[in-house]
Amino acid sequence: MTMSMYSASVPVFQHMLKNLVHILDKGEQSAAARKLDPTALTTYRLAPDMLPFTKQIMIACDAAKLGVARISGLEAPKFDDSEASFPELKDRVQKTLDWLATVPASALDGTEDKDITFPIGRENTRTMKAQAYLTTWVLPNMFFHITTAYAILRHNGVDLGKQDYLVGAR
């Protein structure tokens, strides 16, 4: 049995973004319990040339919504990219989840061979077939940014484990 483009994308995005909300909750709770200024976490980066925590969340959401939009031809919601606090970041993730919930399977299924052209950096583009775009670009990109956000919080003493990343708040 083959896996449909919908089942390989939307449910995976929803699962991981819900886990990301759980991770954000734990980060916010940890900052409060330790009487830390939350911006110590939200502005943190693991390396000087790496994007900060807030951008990791924004890009994880963008990977999911823009990936689905490019494959399906639907218009993705636009966010203003100004989220700076844990509540604002959680709201962005929730808005992404809300939009994903509106995407019908019929918009994605059967698109495997569709050409998808997408930006690479500020000046370049790349074209891939939709199935390859989903499996080798979009999904790894979302996982990378959620993992990086997890690592930033974990590095800064937030009590997170593998269960938080994989299972969330079940």
N, C-alpha and C. Protein backbone atom coordinates (compact mmCIF):
# COMPACT_ATOMS: atom_id res chain seq x y z
N MET A 1 0.84 -1.18 0.00
CA MET A 1 0.00 0.00 0.00
C MET A 1 0.89 1.25 0.00
N THR A 2 0.59 2.15 -0.88
CA THR A 2 1.35 3.39 -0.92
C THR A 2 0.78 4.40 0.06
N MET A 3 1.64 5.29 0.49
CA MET A 3 1.22 6.34 1.41
C MET A 3 0.84 7.56 0.57
N SER A 4 -0.25 8.19 0.92
CA SER A 4 -0.70 9.37 0.17
C SER A 4 0.11 10.59 0.58
N MET A 5 0.14 11.57 -0.30
CA MET A 5 0.83 12.83 0.00
C MET A 5 0.22 13.50 1.24
N TYR A 6 -1.09 13.40 1.36
CA TYR A 6 -1.74 13.99 2.53
C TYR A 6 -1.26 13.30 3.81
N SER A 7 -1.35 11.97 3.84
CA SER A 7 -1.01 11.27 5.08
C SER A 7 0.49 11.36 5.40
N ALA A 8 1.32 11.62 4.39
CA ALA A 8 2.74 11.80 4.63
C ALA A 8 3.08 13.22 5.08
N SER A 9 2.11 14.11 5.03
CA SER A 9 2.41 15.51 5.35
C SER A 9 1.56 16.06 6.48
N VAL A 10 0.31 16.32 6.23
CA VAL A 10 -0.51 17.06 7.21
C VAL A 10 -0.54 16.41 8.58
N PRO A 11 -0.82 15.12 8.72
CA PRO A 11 -0.82 14.53 10.06
C PRO A 11 0.56 14.59 10.75
N VAL A 12 1.62 14.49 9.97
CA VAL A 12 2.97 14.58 10.54
C VAL A 12 3.21 16.00 11.04
N PHE A 13 2.87 17.00 10.22
CA PHE A 13 3.01 18.39 10.65
C PHE A 13 2.19 18.66 11.90
N GLN A 14 0.95 18.19 11.91
CA GLN A 14 0.08 18.43 13.06
C GLN A 14 0.66 17.80 14.32
N HIS A 15 1.12 16.58 14.21
CA HIS A 15 1.69 15.89 15.37
C HIS A 15 2.90 16.66 15.92
N MET A 16 3.82 17.01 15.06
CA MET A 16 5.04 17.66 15.51
C MET A 16 4.78 19.08 16.00
N LEU A 17 3.88 19.79 15.37
CA LEU A 17 3.57 21.15 15.83
C LEU A 17 2.85 21.12 17.18
N LYS A 18 2.01 20.13 17.41
CA LYS A 18 1.40 19.99 18.73
C LYS A 18 2.46 19.68 19.79
N ASN A 19 3.44 18.85 19.41
CA ASN A 19 4.55 18.59 20.33
C ASN A 19 5.36 19.86 20.57
N LEU A 20 5.47 20.70 19.53
CA LEU A 20 6.19 21.97 19.68
C LEU A 20 5.47 22.88 20.68
N VAL A 21 4.15 22.90 20.67
CA VAL A 21 3.40 23.69 21.67
C VAL A 21 3.74 23.18 23.06
N HIS A 22 3.79 21.88 23.22
CA HIS A 22 4.16 21.29 24.52
C HIS A 22 5.56 21.74 24.94
N ILE A 23 6.49 21.72 24.01
CA ILE A 23 7.86 22.15 24.28
C ILE A 23 7.89 23.63 24.66
N LEU A 24 7.11 24.45 23.95
CA LEU A 24 7.01 25.87 24.28
C LEU A 24 6.42 26.07 25.67
N ASP A 25 5.39 25.29 26.00
CA ASP A 25 4.81 25.37 27.35
C ASP A 25 5.87 25.08 28.41
N LYS A 26 6.66 24.04 28.20
CA LYS A 26 7.69 23.68 29.17
C LYS A 26 8.75 24.77 29.28
N GLY A 27 9.10 25.39 28.17
CA GLY A 27 10.06 26.49 28.21
C GLY A 27 9.52 27.68 28.98
N GLU A 28 8.26 28.02 28.73
CA GLU A 28 7.64 29.14 29.43
C GLU A 28 7.53 28.86 30.93
N GLN A 29 7.11 27.64 31.29
CA GLN A 29 6.99 27.25 32.69
C GLN A 29 8.34 27.24 33.39
N SER A 30 9.36 26.78 32.69
CA SER A 30 10.70 26.74 33.28
C SER A 30 11.22 28.15 33.56
N ALA A 31 11.02 29.06 32.61
CA ALA A 31 11.46 30.44 32.83
C ALA A 31 10.76 31.04 34.05
N ALA A 32 9.46 30.80 34.17
CA ALA A 32 8.70 31.34 35.30
C ALA A 32 9.18 30.71 36.62
N ALA A 33 9.34 29.41 36.64
CA ALA A 33 9.76 28.72 37.87
C ALA A 33 11.16 29.14 38.31
N ARG A 34 12.02 29.44 37.36
CA ARG A 34 13.40 29.82 37.70
C ARG A 34 13.56 31.34 37.78
N LYS A 35 12.43 32.06 37.63
CA LYS A 35 12.44 33.53 37.66
C LYS A 35 13.43 34.11 36.65
N LEU A 36 13.42 33.49 35.48
CA LEU A 36 14.27 33.91 34.37
C LEU A 36 13.47 34.86 33.48
N ASP A 37 14.11 35.87 32.94
CA ASP A 37 13.48 36.68 31.91
C ASP A 37 13.30 35.75 30.71
N PRO A 38 12.06 35.55 30.23
CA PRO A 38 11.83 34.62 29.11
C PRO A 38 12.65 34.95 27.87
N THR A 39 13.03 36.21 27.70
CA THR A 39 13.83 36.55 26.52
C THR A 39 15.22 35.91 26.56
N ALA A 40 15.66 35.49 27.74
CA ALA A 40 16.93 34.76 27.82
C ALA A 40 16.83 33.46 27.01
N LEU A 41 15.63 32.91 26.92
CA LEU A 41 15.41 31.70 26.13
C LEU A 41 14.99 32.03 24.69
N THR A 42 14.07 32.96 24.53
CA THR A 42 13.52 33.22 23.20
C THR A 42 14.50 33.89 22.25
N THR A 43 15.54 34.53 22.78
CA THR A 43 16.53 35.18 21.92
C THR A 43 17.82 34.36 21.81
N TYR A 44 17.87 33.22 22.49
CA TYR A 44 19.08 32.42 22.53
C TYR A 44 19.33 31.74 21.18
N ARG A 45 20.60 31.58 20.85
CA ARG A 45 21.02 30.83 19.66
C ARG A 45 22.17 29.92 20.07
N LEU A 46 22.27 28.77 19.44
CA LEU A 46 23.31 27.81 19.80
C LEU A 46 24.68 28.19 19.27
N ALA A 47 24.73 28.98 18.22
CA ALA A 47 26.00 29.42 17.63
C ALA A 47 25.80 30.85 17.13
N PRO A 48 26.86 31.63 17.08
CA PRO A 48 26.73 33.03 16.68
C PRO A 48 26.07 33.24 15.32
N ASP A 49 26.29 32.32 14.38
CA ASP A 49 25.72 32.49 13.04
C ASP A 49 24.39 31.76 12.86
N MET A 50 23.81 31.30 13.96
CA MET A 50 22.54 30.56 13.91
C MET A 50 21.40 31.48 14.28
N LEU A 51 20.24 31.23 13.70
CA LEU A 51 19.07 32.03 14.03
C LEU A 51 18.62 31.75 15.46
N PRO A 52 18.02 32.76 16.12
CA PRO A 52 17.58 32.58 17.51
C PRO A 52 16.34 31.68 17.61
N PHE A 53 16.04 31.33 18.84
CA PHE A 53 14.92 30.45 19.15
C PHE A 53 13.62 30.89 18.46
N THR A 54 13.29 32.17 18.53
CA THR A 54 12.03 32.63 17.93
C THR A 54 11.96 32.30 16.45
N LYS A 55 13.06 32.49 15.73
CA LYS A 55 13.09 32.19 14.29
C LYS A 55 12.96 30.70 14.03
N GLN A 56 13.47 29.87 14.95
CA GLN A 56 13.33 28.42 14.78
C GLN A 56 11.84 28.04 14.76
N ILE A 57 11.07 28.67 15.65
CA ILE A 57 9.63 28.38 15.72
C ILE A 57 8.94 28.89 14.46
N MET A 58 9.27 30.11 14.06
CA MET A 58 8.66 30.70 12.85
C MET A 58 8.92 29.83 11.62
N ILE A 59 10.17 29.39 11.48
CA ILE A 59 10.53 28.62 10.29
C ILE A 59 9.89 27.23 10.32
N ALA A 60 9.77 26.62 11.50
CA ALA A 60 9.09 25.32 11.60
C ALA A 60 7.65 25.45 11.12
N CYS A 61 6.98 26.51 11.54
CA CYS A 61 5.60 26.75 11.10
C CYS A 61 5.56 27.02 9.60
N ASP A 62 6.48 27.85 9.12
CA ASP A 62 6.51 28.18 7.70
C ASP A 62 6.78 26.96 6.84
N ALA A 63 7.67 26.08 7.29
CA ALA A 63 7.96 24.87 6.53
C ALA A 63 6.68 24.08 6.31
N ALA A 64 5.90 23.91 7.36
CA ALA A 64 4.66 23.14 7.25
C ALA A 64 3.65 23.83 6.35
N LYS A 65 3.35 25.09 6.63
CA LYS A 65 2.27 25.76 5.88
C LYS A 65 2.67 26.05 4.44
N LEU A 66 3.92 26.48 4.22
CA LEU A 66 4.34 26.79 2.85
C LEU A 66 4.55 25.53 2.03
N GLY A 67 5.05 24.48 2.67
CA GLY A 67 5.19 23.20 1.97
C GLY A 67 3.85 22.70 1.47
N VAL A 68 2.87 22.69 2.36
CA VAL A 68 1.53 22.24 1.97
C VAL A 68 0.93 23.17 0.92
N ALA A 69 1.10 24.46 1.09
CA ALA A 69 0.54 25.42 0.13
C ALA A 69 1.16 25.24 -1.25
N ARG A 70 2.45 25.10 -1.32
CA ARG A 70 3.11 24.94 -2.63
C ARG A 70 2.66 23.67 -3.32
N ILE A 71 2.53 22.60 -2.58
CA ILE A 71 2.12 21.33 -3.17
C ILE A 71 0.65 21.37 -3.59
N SER A 72 -0.19 21.90 -2.73
CA SER A 72 -1.64 21.87 -2.97
C SER A 72 -2.14 22.98 -3.89
N GLY A 73 -1.41 24.08 -3.95
CA GLY A 73 -1.90 25.24 -4.70
C GLY A 73 -2.79 26.13 -3.87
N LEU A 74 -2.99 25.79 -2.59
CA LEU A 74 -3.79 26.62 -1.69
C LEU A 74 -2.95 27.79 -1.21
N GLU A 75 -3.61 28.84 -0.78
CA GLU A 75 -2.90 29.99 -0.25
C GLU A 75 -2.67 29.81 1.25
N ALA A 76 -1.42 29.91 1.64
CA ALA A 76 -1.06 29.79 3.06
C ALA A 76 -1.32 31.11 3.76
N PRO A 77 -1.65 31.05 5.04
CA PRO A 77 -1.80 32.30 5.79
C PRO A 77 -0.46 33.02 5.89
N LYS A 78 -0.54 34.32 5.98
CA LYS A 78 0.67 35.13 6.14
C LYS A 78 0.73 35.60 7.60
N PHE A 79 1.90 35.49 8.18
CA PHE A 79 2.13 35.96 9.54
C PHE A 79 3.13 37.10 9.47
N ASP A 80 3.09 37.97 10.46
CA ASP A 80 3.95 39.17 10.39
C ASP A 80 5.37 38.94 10.90
N ASP A 81 5.69 37.76 11.37
CA ASP A 81 7.04 37.41 11.81
C ASP A 81 7.57 38.34 12.91
N SER A 82 6.69 38.77 13.79
CA SER A 82 7.13 39.64 14.88
C SER A 82 6.97 38.98 16.25
N GLU A 83 6.63 37.70 16.27
CA GLU A 83 6.42 37.00 17.52
C GLU A 83 7.71 36.97 18.33
N ALA A 84 7.60 37.35 19.59
CA ALA A 84 8.80 37.43 20.43
C ALA A 84 8.65 36.69 21.76
N SER A 85 7.43 36.47 22.21
CA SER A 85 7.20 35.86 23.52
C SER A 85 6.68 34.43 23.35
N PHE A 86 6.73 33.67 24.42
CA PHE A 86 6.19 32.32 24.37
C PHE A 86 4.72 32.31 23.97
N PRO A 87 3.85 33.16 24.55
CA PRO A 87 2.45 33.16 24.13
C PRO A 87 2.28 33.50 22.64
N GLU A 88 3.06 34.44 22.14
CA GLU A 88 2.95 34.80 20.72
C GLU A 88 3.43 33.66 19.82
N LEU A 89 4.48 32.98 20.24
CA LEU A 89 4.98 31.85 19.46
C LEU A 89 3.97 30.70 19.46
N LYS A 90 3.37 30.44 20.62
CA LYS A 90 2.35 29.38 20.69
C LYS A 90 1.15 29.74 19.82
N ASP A 91 0.80 31.03 19.78
CA ASP A 91 -0.31 31.47 18.93
C ASP A 91 0.02 31.23 17.46
N ARG A 92 1.25 31.49 17.07
CA ARG A 92 1.64 31.25 15.67
C ARG A 92 1.53 29.77 15.33
N VAL A 93 2.01 28.91 16.22
CA VAL A 93 1.90 27.47 15.98
C VAL A 93 0.43 27.08 15.88
N GLN A 94 -0.41 27.62 16.76
CA GLN A 94 -1.83 27.27 16.73
C GLN A 94 -2.49 27.75 15.44
N LYS A 95 -2.14 28.93 14.97
CA LYS A 95 -2.70 29.42 13.71
C LYS A 95 -2.27 28.52 12.54
N THR A 96 -1.06 28.02 12.61
CA THR A 96 -0.60 27.08 11.58
C THR A 96 -1.41 25.79 11.65
N LEU A 97 -1.60 25.27 12.87
CA LEU A 97 -2.40 24.06 13.05
C LEU A 97 -3.84 24.28 12.58
N ASP A 98 -4.40 25.43 12.89
CA ASP A 98 -5.78 25.73 12.47
C ASP A 98 -5.89 25.71 10.95
N TRP A 99 -4.90 26.29 10.26
CA TRP A 99 -4.94 26.29 8.80
C TRP A 99 -4.76 24.88 8.25
N LEU A 100 -3.82 24.13 8.78
CA LEU A 100 -3.61 22.76 8.32
C LEU A 100 -4.88 21.92 8.44
N ALA A 101 -5.67 22.19 9.48
CA ALA A 101 -6.92 21.45 9.68
C ALA A 101 -7.94 21.72 8.58
N THR A 102 -7.76 22.78 7.82
CA THR A 102 -8.70 23.11 6.73
C THR A 102 -8.29 22.49 5.40
N VAL A 103 -7.10 21.92 5.34
CA VAL A 103 -6.59 21.40 4.06
C VAL A 103 -7.19 20.02 3.80
N PRO A 104 -7.94 19.89 2.70
CA PRO A 104 -8.51 18.57 2.40
C PRO A 104 -7.47 17.65 1.78
N ALA A 105 -7.60 16.37 2.03
CA ALA A 105 -6.68 15.39 1.46
C ALA A 105 -6.65 15.49 -0.06
N SER A 106 -7.78 15.80 -0.65
CA SER A 106 -7.86 15.88 -2.12
C SER A 106 -6.96 16.97 -2.71
N ALA A 107 -6.59 17.95 -1.89
CA ALA A 107 -5.70 19.02 -2.39
C ALA A 107 -4.26 18.54 -2.52
N LEU A 108 -3.90 17.47 -1.85
CA LEU A 108 -2.52 16.97 -1.86
C LEU A 108 -2.36 15.64 -2.58
N ASP A 109 -3.33 14.78 -2.43
CA ASP A 109 -3.21 13.44 -3.02
C ASP A 109 -3.19 13.53 -4.53
N GLY A 110 -2.28 12.76 -5.12
CA GLY A 110 -2.12 12.76 -6.57
C GLY A 110 -1.17 13.82 -7.10
N THR A 111 -0.50 14.54 -6.21
CA THR A 111 0.41 15.62 -6.64
C THR A 111 1.86 15.18 -6.70
N GLU A 112 2.13 13.91 -6.49
CA GLU A 112 3.50 13.42 -6.36
C GLU A 112 4.45 13.92 -7.45
N ASP A 113 3.98 13.98 -8.70
CA ASP A 113 4.83 14.35 -9.84
C ASP A 113 4.73 15.81 -10.24
N LYS A 114 4.02 16.60 -9.46
CA LYS A 114 3.89 18.03 -9.74
C LYS A 114 5.24 18.72 -9.50
N ASP A 115 5.62 19.62 -10.42
CA ASP A 115 6.84 20.39 -10.22
C ASP A 115 6.60 21.49 -9.21
N ILE A 116 7.49 21.57 -8.23
CA ILE A 116 7.42 22.60 -7.19
C ILE A 116 8.70 23.42 -7.29
N THR A 117 8.55 24.71 -7.53
CA THR A 117 9.68 25.63 -7.54
C THR A 117 9.59 26.47 -6.28
N PHE A 118 10.68 26.53 -5.54
CA PHE A 118 10.66 27.21 -4.25
C PHE A 118 11.97 27.97 -4.05
N PRO A 119 11.94 29.00 -3.19
CA PRO A 119 13.15 29.79 -2.98
C PRO A 119 14.19 29.04 -2.14
N ILE A 120 15.43 29.25 -2.53
CA ILE A 120 16.59 28.77 -1.76
C ILE A 120 17.37 30.04 -1.45
N GLY A 121 17.30 30.49 -0.23
CA GLY A 121 17.94 31.75 0.11
C GLY A 121 17.18 32.92 -0.50
N ARG A 122 17.85 34.02 -0.64
CA ARG A 122 17.19 35.24 -1.13
C ARG A 122 17.18 35.37 -2.65
N GLU A 123 18.09 34.68 -3.32
CA GLU A 123 18.23 34.92 -4.75
C GLU A 123 18.06 33.70 -5.64
N ASN A 124 18.00 32.51 -5.09
CA ASN A 124 17.96 31.31 -5.90
C ASN A 124 16.66 30.55 -5.71
N THR A 125 16.35 29.70 -6.67
CA THR A 125 15.22 28.80 -6.56
C THR A 125 15.68 27.39 -6.93
N ARG A 126 14.84 26.46 -6.58
CA ARG A 126 15.08 25.06 -6.92
C ARG A 126 13.75 24.46 -7.33
N THR A 127 13.76 23.52 -8.24
CA THR A 127 12.55 22.83 -8.66
C THR A 127 12.72 21.34 -8.39
N MET A 128 11.70 20.77 -7.77
CA MET A 128 11.67 19.34 -7.45
C MET A 128 10.26 18.82 -7.69
N LYS A 129 10.14 17.53 -7.85
CA LYS A 129 8.82 16.90 -7.88
C LYS A 129 8.26 16.96 -6.46
N ALA A 130 6.95 17.08 -6.36
CA ALA A 130 6.30 17.31 -5.06
C ALA A 130 6.65 16.24 -4.03
N GLN A 131 6.68 14.98 -4.41
CA GLN A 131 6.99 13.93 -3.43
C GLN A 131 8.41 14.10 -2.89
N ALA A 132 9.37 14.36 -3.77
CA ALA A 132 10.75 14.58 -3.32
C ALA A 132 10.84 15.86 -2.49
N TYR A 133 10.14 16.89 -2.92
CA TYR A 133 10.12 18.15 -2.16
C TYR A 133 9.62 17.92 -0.74
N LEU A 134 8.53 17.17 -0.60
CA LEU A 134 7.97 16.88 0.71
C LEU A 134 8.94 16.05 1.56
N THR A 135 9.44 14.97 0.98
CA THR A 135 10.20 14.01 1.80
C THR A 135 11.66 14.39 2.02
N THR A 136 12.25 15.16 1.11
CA THR A 136 13.67 15.47 1.26
C THR A 136 13.94 16.94 1.56
N TRP A 137 12.90 17.77 1.53
CA TRP A 137 13.11 19.19 1.82
C TRP A 137 12.19 19.67 2.95
N VAL A 138 10.89 19.56 2.77
CA VAL A 138 9.94 20.15 3.72
C VAL A 138 9.97 19.45 5.08
N LEU A 139 9.79 18.14 5.08
CA LEU A 139 9.78 17.42 6.36
C LEU A 139 11.11 17.56 7.10
N PRO A 140 12.26 17.33 6.45
CA PRO A 140 13.52 17.52 7.17
C PRO A 140 13.71 18.95 7.68
N ASN A 141 13.25 19.93 6.92
CA ASN A 141 13.37 21.33 7.35
C ASN A 141 12.56 21.58 8.62
N MET A 142 11.30 21.11 8.63
CA MET A 142 10.49 21.28 9.83
C MET A 142 11.12 20.57 11.03
N PHE A 143 11.54 19.31 10.84
CA PHE A 143 12.18 18.57 11.93
C PHE A 143 13.44 19.28 12.42
N PHE A 144 14.25 19.80 11.52
CA PHE A 144 15.47 20.50 11.90
C PHE A 144 15.17 21.67 12.83
N HIS A 145 14.19 22.48 12.47
CA HIS A 145 13.91 23.68 13.26
C HIS A 145 13.23 23.36 14.59
N ILE A 146 12.39 22.34 14.63
CA ILE A 146 11.82 21.92 15.91
C ILE A 146 12.91 21.32 16.80
N THR A 147 13.79 20.52 16.22
CA THR A 147 14.89 19.93 16.98
C THR A 147 15.81 21.02 17.51
N THR A 148 16.08 22.03 16.71
CA THR A 148 16.95 23.11 17.15
C THR A 148 16.30 23.89 18.29
N ALA A 149 15.00 24.15 18.19
CA ALA A 149 14.30 24.84 19.28
C ALA A 149 14.37 23.99 20.56
N TYR A 150 14.13 22.70 20.42
CA TYR A 150 14.24 21.77 21.56
C TYR A 150 15.64 21.85 22.17
N ALA A 151 16.67 21.81 21.30
CA ALA A 151 18.05 21.82 21.78
C ALA A 151 18.39 23.13 22.50
N ILE A 152 17.88 24.24 22.00
CA ILE A 152 18.13 25.52 22.67
C ILE A 152 17.55 25.50 24.07
N LEU A 153 16.31 25.05 24.21
CA LEU A 153 15.70 25.01 25.55
C LEU A 153 16.42 24.02 26.45
N ARG A 154 16.71 22.85 25.92
CA ARG A 154 17.39 21.82 26.71
C ARG A 154 18.76 22.32 27.17
N HIS A 155 19.49 22.96 26.28
CA HIS A 155 20.80 23.52 26.60
C HIS A 155 20.71 24.55 27.73
N ASN A 156 19.58 25.24 27.80
CA ASN A 156 19.38 26.28 28.80
C ASN A 156 18.64 25.78 30.04
N GLY A 157 18.66 24.48 30.27
CA GLY A 157 18.17 23.93 31.52
C GLY A 157 16.70 23.60 31.60
N VAL A 158 15.97 23.71 30.49
CA VAL A 158 14.56 23.32 30.51
C VAL A 158 14.49 21.80 30.57
N ASP A 159 13.66 21.29 31.46
CA ASP A 159 13.53 19.85 31.68
C ASP A 159 12.76 19.22 30.52
N LEU A 160 13.48 18.88 29.48
CA LEU A 160 12.91 18.25 28.29
C LEU A 160 13.62 16.93 28.04
N GLY A 161 12.87 15.98 27.54
CA GLY A 161 13.43 14.70 27.16
C GLY A 161 12.88 14.26 25.81
N LYS A 162 13.32 13.11 25.37
CA LYS A 162 12.90 12.59 24.09
C LYS A 162 11.38 12.43 24.00
N GLN A 163 10.76 12.05 25.11
CA GLN A 163 9.29 11.91 25.13
C GLN A 163 8.60 13.23 24.80
N ASP A 164 9.15 14.34 25.28
CA ASP A 164 8.55 15.64 24.99
C ASP A 164 8.59 15.92 23.49
N TYR A 165 9.70 15.57 22.84
CA TYR A 165 9.86 15.80 21.41
C TYR A 165 8.96 14.88 20.59
N LEU A 166 8.89 13.61 20.97
CA LEU A 166 8.16 12.64 20.17
C LEU A 166 6.69 12.50 20.53
N VAL A 167 6.36 12.64 21.79
CA VAL A 167 5.00 12.35 22.25
C VAL A 167 4.25 13.61 22.69
N GLY A 168 4.97 14.59 23.21
CA GLY A 168 4.31 15.80 23.66
C GLY A 168 3.58 15.61 24.96
N ALA A 169 2.40 16.22 25.07
CA ALA A 169 1.66 16.27 26.34
C ALA A 169 0.53 15.25 26.41
N ARG A 170 0.65 14.16 25.81
CA ARG A 170 -0.46 13.19 25.77
C ARG A 170 -0.88 12.73 27.12
